[in-house]
Protein backbone atom coordinates (compact mmCIF):
# COMPACT_ATOMS: atom_id res chain seq x y z
CA MET A 1 -142.96 -5.45 -89.64
CA SER A 2 -144.42 -8.99 -86.81
CA THR A 3 -145.62 -11.93 -87.86
CA GLN A 4 -148.66 -10.64 -85.28
CA GLU A 5 -149.07 -7.24 -88.14
CA GLN A 6 -148.57 -9.56 -91.24
CA THR A 7 -151.61 -11.39 -90.08
CA GLU A 8 -153.47 -8.59 -89.68
CA ASN A 9 -152.78 -7.16 -93.01
CA LEU A 10 -153.69 -10.51 -94.74
CA THR A 11 -157.33 -10.01 -92.43
CA ILE A 12 -158.48 -6.98 -91.68
CA ALA A 13 -158.87 -3.82 -93.63
CA PRO A 14 -156.30 -0.81 -92.92
CA ILE A 15 -158.26 2.20 -91.25
CA VAL A 16 -156.57 4.76 -93.76
CA GLY A 17 -159.14 7.08 -93.75
CA PRO A 18 -162.22 8.32 -95.96
CA ASP A 19 -159.57 10.36 -98.23
CA ASP A 20 -157.92 7.51 -99.11
CA PRO A 21 -157.70 6.78 -102.74
CA ARG A 22 -157.80 2.80 -102.62
CA ARG A 23 -160.38 0.53 -102.02
CA PHE A 24 -160.52 -2.57 -99.82
CA THR A 25 -162.91 -5.66 -98.95
CA ASP A 26 -163.20 -6.28 -95.37
CA SER A 27 -160.35 -8.57 -95.00
CA GLY A 28 -157.85 -5.90 -96.50
CA ILE A 29 -158.10 -6.81 -100.00
CA ASP A 30 -156.78 -3.92 -101.77
CA ILE A 31 -159.51 -3.47 -104.89
CA LYS A 32 -158.07 -2.26 -108.16
CA PRO A 33 -159.76 0.32 -110.22
CA LEU A 34 -159.89 -2.60 -113.35
CA TYR A 35 -158.80 -6.40 -113.10
CA THR A 36 -158.03 -7.82 -116.41
CA GLU A 37 -156.16 -11.15 -117.32
CA GLN A 38 -153.60 -10.19 -115.85
CA ASP A 39 -154.37 -10.79 -112.45
CA LEU A 40 -156.21 -14.29 -113.26
CA PRO A 41 -154.53 -17.40 -111.29
CA ALA A 42 -151.33 -18.72 -113.11
CA GLU A 43 -152.93 -22.07 -112.87
CA LEU A 44 -156.64 -21.85 -113.23
CA HIS A 45 -158.32 -24.58 -112.29
CA LEU A 46 -162.03 -24.52 -111.82
CA GLY A 47 -163.17 -28.34 -112.87
CA VAL A 48 -167.15 -28.16 -113.44
CA PRO A 49 -169.70 -28.10 -111.07
CA GLY A 50 -169.78 -31.33 -109.20
CA GLU A 51 -166.75 -32.51 -109.49
CA PHE A 52 -163.26 -31.94 -107.34
CA PRO A 53 -162.30 -29.16 -105.74
CA PHE A 54 -166.04 -27.68 -106.41
CA THR A 55 -164.63 -24.27 -106.56
CA ARG A 56 -167.48 -24.78 -109.05
CA GLY A 57 -170.43 -26.07 -107.12
CA ILE A 58 -171.79 -28.87 -105.61
CA HIS A 59 -174.06 -29.91 -108.43
CA PRO A 60 -173.57 -30.32 -111.84
CA GLU A 61 -176.65 -28.03 -112.98
CA MET A 62 -177.01 -26.37 -109.75
CA TYR A 63 -180.12 -25.05 -109.17
CA ARG A 64 -181.55 -25.48 -112.67
CA GLY A 65 -182.91 -29.26 -111.62
CA GLN A 66 -183.86 -27.54 -108.15
CA LEU A 67 -183.69 -24.58 -106.12
CA TRP A 68 -182.31 -24.23 -102.72
CA THR A 69 -184.14 -24.16 -99.69
CA MET A 70 -185.98 -21.39 -99.21
CA ARG A 71 -185.99 -20.86 -95.04
CA GLN A 72 -187.31 -18.67 -92.74
CA TYR A 73 -185.91 -18.14 -89.39
CA ALA A 74 -188.89 -18.56 -87.27
CA GLY A 75 -189.88 -19.19 -83.31
CA TYR A 76 -191.15 -16.49 -80.40
CA ALA A 77 -192.93 -16.94 -77.43
CA SER A 78 -194.84 -20.04 -77.07
CA ALA A 79 -194.53 -23.53 -79.58
CA LYS A 80 -197.89 -22.96 -79.83
CA GLU A 81 -197.54 -19.25 -81.70
CA SER A 82 -194.29 -20.28 -83.45
CA ASN A 83 -196.02 -23.62 -85.58
CA GLU A 84 -198.36 -20.36 -86.23
CA ARG A 85 -195.75 -19.22 -87.83
CA TYR A 86 -194.35 -21.93 -89.02
CA ARG A 87 -197.59 -23.04 -90.45
CA TYR A 88 -197.73 -19.47 -92.65
CA LEU A 89 -194.38 -19.43 -93.53
CA LEU A 90 -195.21 -22.89 -95.50
CA SER A 91 -198.00 -21.56 -96.54
CA LYS A 92 -196.33 -18.95 -98.88
CA GLY A 93 -194.13 -20.75 -100.61
CA SER A 94 -191.26 -21.48 -97.85
CA THR A 95 -189.31 -24.90 -98.55
CA GLY A 96 -187.91 -25.99 -95.39
CA LEU A 97 -188.37 -24.60 -91.40
CA SER A 98 -185.77 -23.06 -90.18
CA MET A 99 -186.09 -23.28 -85.68
CA ALA A 100 -184.65 -20.82 -83.66
CA PHE A 101 -184.83 -20.83 -79.74
CA ASP A 102 -185.01 -18.82 -77.13
CA LEU A 103 -182.01 -17.89 -74.53
CA PRO A 104 -183.10 -20.42 -71.96
CA THR A 105 -183.45 -23.42 -74.36
CA GLN A 106 -179.71 -22.43 -75.70
CA LEU A 107 -178.07 -22.41 -71.89
CA GLY A 108 -180.20 -26.19 -71.40
CA LEU A 109 -181.89 -24.13 -69.26
CA ASP A 110 -186.00 -24.90 -67.95
CA SER A 111 -188.35 -21.85 -68.08
CA ASP A 112 -188.58 -21.90 -64.48
CA HIS A 113 -185.17 -21.75 -63.75
CA PRO A 114 -183.78 -18.09 -62.04
CA ARG A 115 -181.66 -17.41 -64.80
CA SER A 116 -185.01 -17.78 -67.29
CA LEU A 117 -186.74 -14.93 -66.13
CA GLY A 118 -187.76 -12.12 -68.91
CA GLU A 119 -186.06 -14.44 -71.76
CA VAL A 120 -188.48 -17.09 -72.21
CA GLY A 121 -189.60 -16.74 -75.01
CA ARG A 122 -188.16 -13.61 -76.31
CA THR A 123 -185.41 -14.88 -78.61
CA GLY A 124 -186.92 -18.12 -80.06
CA VAL A 125 -189.31 -20.02 -78.82
CA ALA A 126 -189.28 -22.29 -74.99
CA ILE A 127 -189.18 -25.82 -75.72
CA ASP A 128 -188.87 -27.60 -71.88
CA THR A 129 -190.48 -30.76 -73.04
CA LEU A 130 -192.16 -32.76 -75.22
CA ASP A 131 -194.44 -31.32 -74.91
CA ASP A 132 -193.92 -28.12 -76.33
CA MET A 133 -191.80 -29.76 -78.91
CA ARG A 134 -194.84 -31.56 -80.01
CA THR A 135 -196.95 -28.37 -79.71
CA ALA A 136 -194.38 -27.03 -82.26
CA PHE A 137 -194.99 -29.21 -85.13
CA ASP A 138 -198.93 -29.88 -84.59
CA GLY A 139 -200.33 -30.63 -87.95
CA ILE A 140 -196.54 -30.64 -90.10
CA PRO A 141 -195.89 -34.17 -91.28
CA LEU A 142 -191.91 -34.42 -90.09
CA ASP A 143 -191.77 -36.91 -92.87
CA GLN A 144 -192.80 -33.71 -95.59
CA VAL A 145 -190.37 -30.64 -94.28
CA SER A 146 -186.91 -30.58 -93.94
CA THR A 147 -186.51 -28.63 -90.47
CA SER A 148 -183.49 -26.39 -89.91
CA MET A 149 -183.20 -25.66 -85.45
CA THR A 150 -180.25 -23.52 -84.32
CA ILE A 151 -179.31 -25.10 -81.29
CA ASN A 152 -175.23 -26.14 -79.74
CA ALA A 153 -174.75 -26.88 -76.45
CA PRO A 154 -178.05 -28.98 -75.95
CA ALA A 155 -178.16 -29.66 -79.68
CA ALA A 156 -178.88 -33.34 -78.53
CA CYS A 157 -181.84 -33.04 -76.30
CA LEU A 158 -183.68 -31.08 -79.43
CA LEU A 159 -182.94 -33.54 -81.55
CA LEU A 160 -184.45 -36.62 -79.52
CA LEU A 161 -187.24 -34.56 -79.10
CA TYR A 162 -187.70 -34.48 -83.14
CA GLU A 163 -187.35 -37.83 -83.63
CA LEU A 164 -190.04 -39.04 -80.56
CA VAL A 165 -192.88 -36.39 -81.96
CA GLY A 166 -191.92 -38.20 -85.67
CA ALA A 167 -191.91 -41.46 -83.68
CA GLU A 168 -195.57 -40.11 -82.55
CA GLN A 169 -196.45 -39.34 -85.75
CA GLY A 170 -195.41 -42.62 -87.02
CA VAL A 171 -192.43 -41.18 -89.03
CA ALA A 172 -189.64 -43.50 -88.75
CA PRO A 173 -185.93 -41.34 -87.57
CA ASP A 174 -184.74 -42.83 -91.23
CA LYS A 175 -187.51 -40.43 -92.99
CA LEU A 176 -186.41 -37.12 -90.84
CA ARG A 177 -184.58 -34.36 -92.70
CA GLY A 178 -183.16 -31.86 -91.32
CA THR A 179 -180.22 -29.85 -89.02
CA THR A 180 -178.67 -29.54 -85.76
CA GLN A 181 -176.50 -26.70 -85.19
CA ASN A 182 -174.41 -28.88 -83.02
CA ASP A 183 -171.41 -26.83 -83.15
CA VAL A 184 -170.54 -25.62 -79.60
CA LEU A 185 -166.28 -23.97 -80.61
CA LYS A 186 -168.02 -20.64 -81.92
CA GLU A 187 -170.33 -20.18 -78.35
CA TYR A 188 -166.89 -20.31 -76.60
CA ILE A 189 -165.68 -17.63 -79.38
CA ALA A 190 -168.56 -15.50 -80.28
CA ARG A 191 -171.48 -16.13 -78.62
CA GLY A 192 -170.88 -17.56 -74.73
CA ASN A 193 -173.92 -19.78 -75.01
CA TYR A 194 -172.24 -23.01 -73.66
CA ILE A 195 -173.14 -25.60 -70.75
CA TYR A 196 -170.02 -27.98 -70.86
CA PRO A 197 -166.65 -27.79 -71.14
CA PRO A 198 -164.99 -28.41 -74.64
CA GLY A 199 -163.63 -32.26 -73.89
CA PRO A 200 -167.91 -33.37 -73.14
CA THR A 201 -168.39 -30.85 -75.66
CA MET A 202 -166.67 -32.63 -77.68
CA ARG A 203 -167.64 -36.13 -76.84
CA LEU A 204 -171.48 -35.11 -77.23
CA THR A 205 -170.97 -33.56 -80.58
CA THR A 206 -169.57 -37.12 -81.96
CA ASP A 207 -171.78 -38.82 -80.03
CA ILE A 208 -174.22 -37.13 -82.27
CA PHE A 209 -172.42 -38.08 -85.42
CA GLN A 210 -172.52 -41.96 -84.41
CA TYR A 211 -176.40 -41.83 -83.72
CA CYS A 212 -177.28 -40.22 -86.58
CA HIS A 213 -174.70 -42.72 -89.21
CA GLU A 214 -176.87 -45.38 -87.53
CA ARG A 215 -180.81 -43.54 -86.81
CA VAL A 216 -180.64 -41.21 -88.23
CA PRO A 217 -179.14 -41.36 -91.64
CA ARG A 218 -180.81 -38.25 -93.45
CA TRP A 219 -179.87 -36.18 -90.81
CA ASN A 220 -177.10 -33.01 -91.18
CA THR A 221 -175.71 -33.93 -87.42
CA ILE A 222 -173.59 -30.52 -87.32
CA SER A 223 -173.66 -27.03 -89.13
CA VAL A 224 -169.66 -25.91 -88.80
CA SER A 225 -171.11 -22.66 -88.08
CA GLY A 226 -169.03 -19.55 -89.24
CA TYR A 227 -171.89 -17.07 -89.01
CA HIS A 228 -171.90 -15.80 -86.05
CA PHE A 229 -167.86 -14.66 -85.87
CA ARG A 230 -169.10 -12.53 -88.67
CA GLU A 231 -172.05 -11.27 -86.88
CA LYS A 232 -169.39 -10.44 -83.71
CA GLY A 233 -166.50 -8.62 -86.50
CA CYS A 234 -164.67 -10.69 -88.15
CA SER A 235 -163.88 -10.16 -91.94
CA ALA A 236 -164.79 -12.13 -94.79
CA VAL A 237 -160.97 -14.00 -95.41
CA GLN A 238 -161.51 -14.64 -91.09
CA GLU A 239 -164.70 -16.25 -91.29
CA VAL A 240 -163.55 -18.94 -94.78
CA ALA A 241 -160.58 -19.81 -92.31
CA PHE A 242 -161.80 -19.80 -88.59
CA THR A 243 -164.93 -21.99 -89.55
CA LEU A 244 -162.64 -24.26 -91.89
CA CYS A 245 -160.65 -24.71 -88.01
CA SER A 246 -163.50 -25.37 -86.24
CA GLY A 247 -164.50 -28.36 -89.31
CA ILE A 248 -161.14 -30.11 -89.42
CA ALA A 249 -161.43 -29.84 -84.75
CA TYR A 250 -164.66 -31.60 -85.59
CA VAL A 251 -163.54 -33.97 -87.80
CA GLN A 252 -160.29 -34.88 -85.98
CA ALA A 253 -162.49 -35.35 -83.29
CA ALA A 254 -164.82 -37.59 -84.93
CA VAL A 255 -162.00 -40.21 -86.57
CA GLU A 256 -160.07 -40.27 -83.18
CA LYS A 257 -164.00 -41.90 -82.09
CA GLY A 258 -163.26 -44.62 -84.63
CA LEU A 259 -165.82 -43.00 -87.32
CA ASP A 260 -164.95 -43.33 -91.03
CA VAL A 261 -164.64 -40.31 -92.41
CA ASP A 262 -165.95 -41.58 -95.28
CA GLU A 263 -169.44 -41.99 -93.37
CA PHE A 264 -169.92 -39.11 -91.26
CA ALA A 265 -168.53 -36.41 -93.60
CA PRO A 266 -171.30 -36.09 -95.84
CA ARG A 267 -173.63 -34.98 -92.85
CA VAL A 268 -171.16 -32.24 -91.87
CA ALA A 269 -172.63 -28.89 -93.08
CA PHE A 270 -172.00 -25.86 -92.73
CA PHE A 271 -173.31 -22.60 -91.73
CA PHE A 272 -171.94 -18.60 -93.17
CA ASN A 273 -172.95 -15.05 -93.13
CA CYS A 274 -173.27 -13.33 -96.22
CA HIS A 275 -172.55 -9.07 -95.97
CA ASN A 276 -173.04 -6.23 -99.49
CA HIS A 277 -169.88 -6.67 -100.90
CA VAL A 278 -171.42 -9.16 -103.79
CA PHE A 279 -167.93 -9.56 -105.20
CA GLN A 280 -165.74 -10.82 -101.55
CA GLU A 281 -168.94 -12.85 -100.80
CA VAL A 282 -169.64 -14.84 -104.45
CA ALA A 283 -165.43 -15.80 -104.02
CA LYS A 284 -165.31 -16.63 -100.18
CA PHE A 285 -167.98 -19.44 -100.98
CA ARG A 286 -165.66 -20.10 -104.14
CA ALA A 287 -162.42 -20.49 -101.65
CA ALA A 288 -163.83 -22.24 -99.07
CA ARG A 289 -165.24 -25.38 -101.19
CA ARG A 290 -162.34 -25.61 -102.77
CA MET A 291 -160.35 -25.68 -99.51
CA TRP A 292 -162.48 -28.07 -97.81
CA ALA A 293 -162.12 -30.58 -100.03
CA ALA A 294 -158.58 -30.52 -99.73
CA LEU A 295 -158.74 -30.52 -96.74
CA MET A 296 -161.25 -33.72 -96.77
CA ARG A 297 -158.77 -35.67 -99.08
CA ASP A 298 -155.09 -34.73 -98.74
CA ARG A 299 -155.66 -34.17 -94.11
CA PHE A 300 -158.09 -36.54 -93.54
CA GLY A 301 -157.90 -38.98 -96.65
CA ALA A 302 -161.72 -38.85 -97.45
CA THR A 303 -161.76 -41.42 -100.64
CA THR A 304 -165.52 -40.25 -102.40
CA GLN A 305 -166.93 -37.44 -103.99
CA ARG A 306 -169.65 -36.78 -101.37
CA ALA A 307 -167.36 -36.19 -97.93
CA MET A 308 -165.16 -34.12 -99.59
CA MET A 309 -168.08 -31.49 -100.44
CA LEU A 310 -168.59 -28.68 -98.59
CA ARG A 311 -172.64 -28.45 -97.92
CA PHE A 312 -173.75 -25.11 -96.62
CA HIS A 313 -176.97 -23.02 -95.50
CA THR A 314 -176.47 -18.71 -95.79
CA GLN A 315 -178.33 -16.78 -93.91
CA THR A 316 -177.90 -13.03 -94.61
CA GLY A 317 -176.50 -10.94 -92.37
CA GLY A 318 -178.03 -9.52 -89.40
CA VAL A 319 -175.26 -6.64 -88.61
CA THR A 320 -175.53 -5.18 -92.00
CA LEU A 321 -178.74 -4.30 -90.91
CA THR A 322 -179.85 -0.73 -89.64
CA ALA A 323 -182.83 0.29 -87.20
CA GLN A 324 -182.41 4.02 -89.31
CA GLN A 325 -184.61 3.47 -92.39
CA PRO A 326 -185.06 -0.13 -92.17
CA GLU A 327 -186.46 -0.22 -95.45
CA ASN A 328 -182.92 -0.32 -96.94
CA ASN A 329 -182.39 -3.38 -95.89
CA ILE A 330 -184.79 -5.24 -98.18
CA VAL A 331 -182.24 -4.30 -100.82
CA ARG A 332 -179.36 -5.05 -98.76
CA VAL A 333 -180.99 -8.12 -98.22
CA ALA A 334 -181.24 -8.90 -101.87
CA LEU A 335 -178.09 -8.24 -102.64
CA GLN A 336 -176.96 -10.42 -99.81
CA GLY A 337 -178.88 -13.34 -100.94
CA PHE A 338 -178.58 -12.92 -104.31
CA ALA A 339 -174.63 -13.18 -103.49
CA ALA A 340 -175.51 -16.49 -101.47
CA VAL A 341 -176.81 -17.85 -103.95
CA CYS A 342 -174.26 -17.08 -106.79
CA GLY A 343 -171.91 -18.89 -104.75
CA GLY A 344 -173.86 -22.09 -105.05
CA THR A 345 -175.36 -21.87 -101.44
CA GLN A 346 -177.69 -24.79 -100.50
CA SER A 347 -180.06 -23.37 -98.47
CA LEU A 348 -180.95 -19.52 -97.65
CA HIS A 349 -182.16 -17.43 -94.87
CA THR A 350 -182.77 -13.78 -95.32
CA ASN A 351 -183.63 -11.36 -92.92
CA GLY A 352 -186.69 -9.66 -92.74
CA PHE A 353 -185.86 -5.69 -92.94
CA ASP A 354 -187.15 -4.86 -89.33
CA GLU A 355 -184.81 -7.17 -87.52
CA ALA A 356 -182.46 -4.54 -85.74
CA LEU A 357 -185.58 -3.26 -84.21
CA ALA A 358 -187.85 -6.70 -82.98
CA LEU A 359 -187.68 -10.16 -84.61
CA PRO A 360 -189.74 -9.72 -87.89
CA THR A 361 -193.31 -9.22 -88.41
CA GLU A 362 -195.71 -11.98 -90.33
CA ARG A 363 -195.20 -8.87 -93.96
CA ALA A 364 -191.42 -8.73 -92.91
CA ALA A 365 -190.91 -12.30 -92.83
CA LYS A 366 -193.21 -12.46 -96.41
CA ILE A 367 -191.09 -10.07 -97.90
CA ALA A 368 -188.12 -12.30 -96.96
CA LEU A 369 -189.43 -14.86 -98.48
CA ARG A 370 -190.56 -13.42 -101.44
CA THR A 371 -187.08 -11.92 -102.53
CA GLN A 372 -185.95 -15.65 -102.26
CA GLN A 373 -188.38 -16.23 -104.76
CA ILE A 374 -187.89 -13.44 -106.72
CA ILE A 375 -184.36 -14.77 -106.88
CA GLY A 376 -184.92 -17.85 -107.95
CA SER A 377 -187.25 -17.24 -110.53
CA GLU A 378 -186.72 -13.72 -112.01
CA ALA A 379 -182.96 -12.29 -111.62
CA GLY A 380 -181.36 -15.09 -113.64
CA ALA A 381 -179.01 -16.23 -110.54
CA ALA A 382 -180.59 -19.94 -111.15
CA ASP A 383 -180.52 -20.29 -114.99
CA THR A 384 -176.34 -21.20 -115.08
CA ALA A 385 -173.94 -23.11 -112.71
CA ASP A 386 -171.13 -20.23 -111.02
CA PRO A 387 -172.58 -17.91 -113.16
CA PHE A 388 -169.08 -15.30 -112.09
CA ALA A 389 -166.60 -17.56 -113.31
CA GLY A 390 -164.63 -16.67 -115.24
CA SER A 391 -164.38 -12.91 -114.15
CA TYR A 392 -161.10 -11.58 -114.38
CA PHE A 393 -161.95 -10.17 -110.75
CA VAL A 394 -164.21 -12.92 -109.12
CA GLU A 395 -161.47 -14.84 -109.96
CA ALA A 396 -158.81 -12.90 -108.61
CA LEU A 397 -160.55 -12.42 -105.04
CA THR A 398 -161.12 -16.35 -104.56
CA ASP A 399 -157.35 -16.77 -104.90
CA GLU A 400 -156.56 -14.20 -102.53
CA ILE A 401 -159.03 -15.45 -100.15
CA GLU A 402 -157.54 -18.86 -100.15
CA ARG A 403 -154.47 -17.90 -99.77
CA ARG A 404 -154.95 -15.01 -97.09
CA ALA A 405 -157.30 -17.31 -95.38
CA GLN A 406 -155.27 -20.66 -95.54
CA GLU A 407 -151.82 -18.44 -93.56
CA LEU A 408 -154.75 -18.53 -90.98
CA ILE A 409 -155.64 -22.22 -90.50
CA ALA A 410 -151.69 -22.28 -90.45
CA LYS A 411 -151.72 -20.22 -87.34
CA VAL A 412 -154.55 -22.03 -85.93
CA ASP A 413 -152.69 -25.33 -86.99
CA SER A 414 -149.38 -24.28 -84.99
CA LEU A 415 -151.78 -23.27 -81.68
CA GLY A 416 -152.63 -26.61 -81.43
CA GLY A 417 -156.18 -26.19 -83.05
CA SER A 418 -159.39 -24.68 -82.54
CA VAL A 419 -159.80 -25.51 -78.90
CA ASN A 420 -156.29 -24.92 -78.35
CA ALA A 421 -156.58 -21.82 -80.25
CA LEU A 422 -160.10 -20.17 -78.58
CA GLU A 423 -157.61 -17.51 -77.42
CA PHE A 424 -156.08 -16.48 -80.87
CA ILE A 425 -159.14 -16.70 -82.66
CA THR A 426 -161.05 -14.28 -79.87
CA SER A 427 -158.26 -11.67 -80.52
CA GLU A 428 -158.71 -11.64 -84.52
CA ILE A 429 -162.32 -11.36 -84.09
CA ASP A 430 -161.71 -8.36 -81.74
CA GLN A 431 -159.40 -6.72 -84.07
CA SER A 432 -161.76 -6.96 -86.76
CA ALA A 433 -164.67 -5.24 -84.77
CA TRP A 434 -163.07 -2.80 -83.58
CA GLY A 435 -160.88 -1.63 -87.47
CA TYR A 436 -165.02 -2.41 -87.88
CA GLU A 437 -165.98 0.80 -86.00
CA GLU A 438 -163.35 2.81 -86.57
CA ARG A 439 -163.41 3.00 -90.55
CA TYR A 440 -167.20 3.47 -90.07
CA ARG A 441 -166.24 6.36 -87.84
CA LEU A 442 -163.86 7.77 -89.55
CA GLY A 443 -166.36 7.72 -92.55
CA GLN A 444 -164.18 5.38 -94.54
CA ASP A 445 -167.20 2.63 -94.84
CA ILE A 446 -170.08 3.95 -95.74
CA VAL A 447 -173.17 2.77 -94.54
CA VAL A 448 -176.44 4.35 -95.90
CA GLY A 449 -178.71 6.07 -93.89
CA VAL A 450 -176.51 6.12 -90.83
CA ASN A 451 -173.63 7.66 -91.25
CA ALA A 452 -174.27 9.04 -94.92
CA TYR A 453 -177.75 10.19 -96.32
CA GLN A 454 -179.25 10.36 -92.81
CA GLU A 455 -182.56 11.76 -92.11
CA ASP A 456 -184.36 13.82 -89.01
CA GLU A 457 -187.26 11.99 -88.69
CA VAL A 458 -187.86 8.25 -88.21
CA GLY A 459 -190.30 6.73 -89.50
CA THR A 460 -192.87 4.14 -87.38
CA GLN A 461 -192.58 0.59 -87.57
CA ASP A 462 -195.59 -2.29 -86.66
CA LEU A 463 -193.16 -4.57 -84.43
CA LEU A 464 -193.61 -7.70 -83.20
CA ARG A 465 -193.84 -7.91 -79.58
CA VAL A 466 -193.54 -10.48 -76.88
CA ASP A 467 -196.44 -10.74 -74.65
CA PRO A 468 -195.15 -10.61 -71.47
CA GLU A 469 -197.90 -12.48 -70.23
CA SER A 470 -196.28 -15.65 -72.49
CA GLU A 471 -193.63 -16.49 -70.43
CA ARG A 472 -195.79 -16.54 -66.95
CA GLU A 473 -197.78 -18.83 -69.06
CA GLN A 474 -194.51 -21.17 -70.46
CA VAL A 475 -193.81 -21.20 -66.77
CA GLN A 476 -197.20 -22.77 -65.92
CA ARG A 477 -197.63 -25.14 -68.47
CA LEU A 478 -193.64 -26.81 -67.26
CA ALA A 479 -195.50 -27.09 -63.93
CA ALA A 480 -198.18 -29.08 -64.80
CA PHE A 481 -196.19 -30.92 -66.88
CA LYS A 482 -193.77 -31.29 -63.80
CA ALA A 483 -196.94 -32.76 -61.35
CA SER A 484 -198.62 -35.39 -63.85
CA ARG A 485 -195.71 -37.06 -65.26
CA ASP A 486 -194.33 -40.16 -62.51
CA ASN A 487 -191.29 -38.02 -61.04
CA GLU A 488 -189.92 -41.48 -58.99
CA LEU A 489 -188.93 -42.20 -63.10
CA VAL A 490 -188.00 -39.12 -63.76
CA GLN A 491 -185.17 -39.26 -60.71
CA ARG A 492 -184.24 -42.68 -62.05
CA ARG A 493 -184.01 -41.74 -65.59
CA LEU A 494 -181.68 -38.70 -64.70
CA ALA A 495 -179.84 -41.83 -62.32
CA GLU A 496 -178.91 -43.66 -64.82
CA LEU A 497 -177.68 -40.71 -67.33
CA ARG A 498 -175.58 -39.51 -64.89
CA ASP A 499 -174.00 -43.04 -65.13
CA VAL A 500 -174.24 -43.47 -68.05
CA ALA A 501 -172.27 -39.85 -68.17
CA GLY A 502 -168.92 -41.51 -66.61
CA THR A 503 -168.17 -43.71 -69.06
CA ASP A 504 -167.32 -43.64 -73.54
CA ALA A 505 -171.31 -44.98 -74.30
CA ASN A 506 -173.09 -43.65 -76.47
CA LEU A 507 -175.06 -40.86 -74.54
CA LEU A 508 -178.29 -40.17 -76.97
CA PRO A 509 -179.88 -43.08 -76.02
CA SER A 510 -180.42 -42.65 -72.68
CA MET A 511 -180.93 -39.34 -73.37
CA ARG A 512 -183.88 -40.39 -75.45
CA GLN A 513 -185.47 -42.76 -72.56
CA ALA A 514 -184.98 -40.15 -70.08
CA LEU A 515 -186.92 -37.33 -72.70
CA ALA A 516 -189.43 -39.86 -73.39
CA ASP A 517 -189.91 -40.88 -70.33
CA HIS A 518 -191.14 -36.84 -69.42
CA CYS A 519 -187.23 -34.90 -67.77
CA SER A 520 -187.03 -31.81 -69.02
CA VAL A 521 -184.26 -30.38 -71.26
CA GLY A 522 -182.85 -28.64 -68.28
CA GLU A 523 -183.05 -31.53 -65.89
CA VAL A 524 -181.19 -33.49 -68.52
CA CYS A 525 -178.59 -30.83 -69.21
CA GLY A 526 -177.97 -30.83 -65.34
CA ALA A 527 -177.59 -34.41 -65.06
CA LEU A 528 -174.54 -33.58 -68.01
CA ALA A 529 -173.55 -30.54 -65.93
CA GLU A 530 -173.16 -32.44 -62.86
CA VAL A 531 -171.12 -35.06 -64.10
CA PHE A 532 -168.93 -32.56 -66.92
CA GLY A 533 -169.00 -29.66 -64.76
CA ARG A 534 -169.92 -26.11 -66.34
CA TYR A 535 -167.39 -24.08 -68.54
CA THR A 536 -165.72 -20.55 -67.48
CA PRO A 537 -163.93 -19.00 -69.92
CA ALA A 538 -160.53 -18.33 -68.48
CA PHE A 539 -160.38 -14.84 -70.90
């Protein structure tokens, strides 16, 4: 057997057909009919929650003192309509906001760009200017909410706009709480929403680390994302391995920039997916925490407990949602949310049951939020830390996931790290995605309502539909904004930004000044692209 075949067997479930009596997780772990004490790892050193290696959680009592942050990913059409949804979610008990941006914003394009046609406000809110960000948070005190932004290549722009709106509200930067996803490595691998080549991208990432340490110290500077790897089709083991590899790359870049690991690492967060196999997902989170703690201590020399903690947000699996019998998704989301909580997540987004068909309606978003509240108040999952600890099955899975993920990390290390291993990582995920499809096609893996227990009638759904008129209105607002500003000042600020981009200086102060003086997001990103170039994949 070749090395490649061994790697595949360690990370992807085999295709054996529906008549094979064996059962596998998606990572190829052969599940035994019965687990006993003989299946426990030879050295089971679990420790206690709140202490290295944090297998059992990062807080001593976990949720007994405070539940996780309940976020609902939201944003669509205009800043005004998104603001209404944010207020609605807060009124229903959401304890944090999670901001979704439309595709042009994610690509650093203004709504009036030719490539934006037909996409403005579709998959999230369009944010072109300071005016847009101001409207999105109208009436929402930024010193009283934590806001997560799913934004990557233009992450610095959106963070700075948020800081500027906070200043207008009288909120000092050191009072702002939230997260910018800011993980562009996964864009090269799984999503394609990049702007610049990897080198300048890593510079921007570490500039954000440095800037926030000095000005916005309560802000999570990055959310290293495995979520999108899993959405593309990777297995649980691959999700752990490739996410931690990305984390290694970012920490290494920051260390090489001269930043102190004990100072910046506590604001490095992670973002994981959660699928239906409750036991594997719980084990996955436990293994990832343990592995990251060891990496930070042994590879990077972290000396503080906070620098070794893996803190993470979880979103339930979008790719697990089905358009057929969509009400079944309520059960899937509940199981996934339960697994995330039992695995020790710090914040959670639960998907709307209708998201295989459209953006979630208010009704679907409320059901998803209520699902979290029921898990927190009624399921018992929050009553004790690490409730699955000591389970023969879960401890064996935790150990096996760690072992297999370590092998993949070693392979990526041998290729020079994530930046140099993009093609390998992409290939591994593609193979896993193909395996998923084959197992589903053959009936080896059952998806209720899709390849088993089908129904002929398709129920009608009340879906959220974005009014096409909202795009025209956004373009008009942007045109008015650009017409009313001091355009000579705008051009001067963009020229200054290009000059700074040609040096080693931190880019964010110049970017903040440009945005404050009414440069648009697209103009700022475009100015940087003139210096850095635009990334074109080689594979």
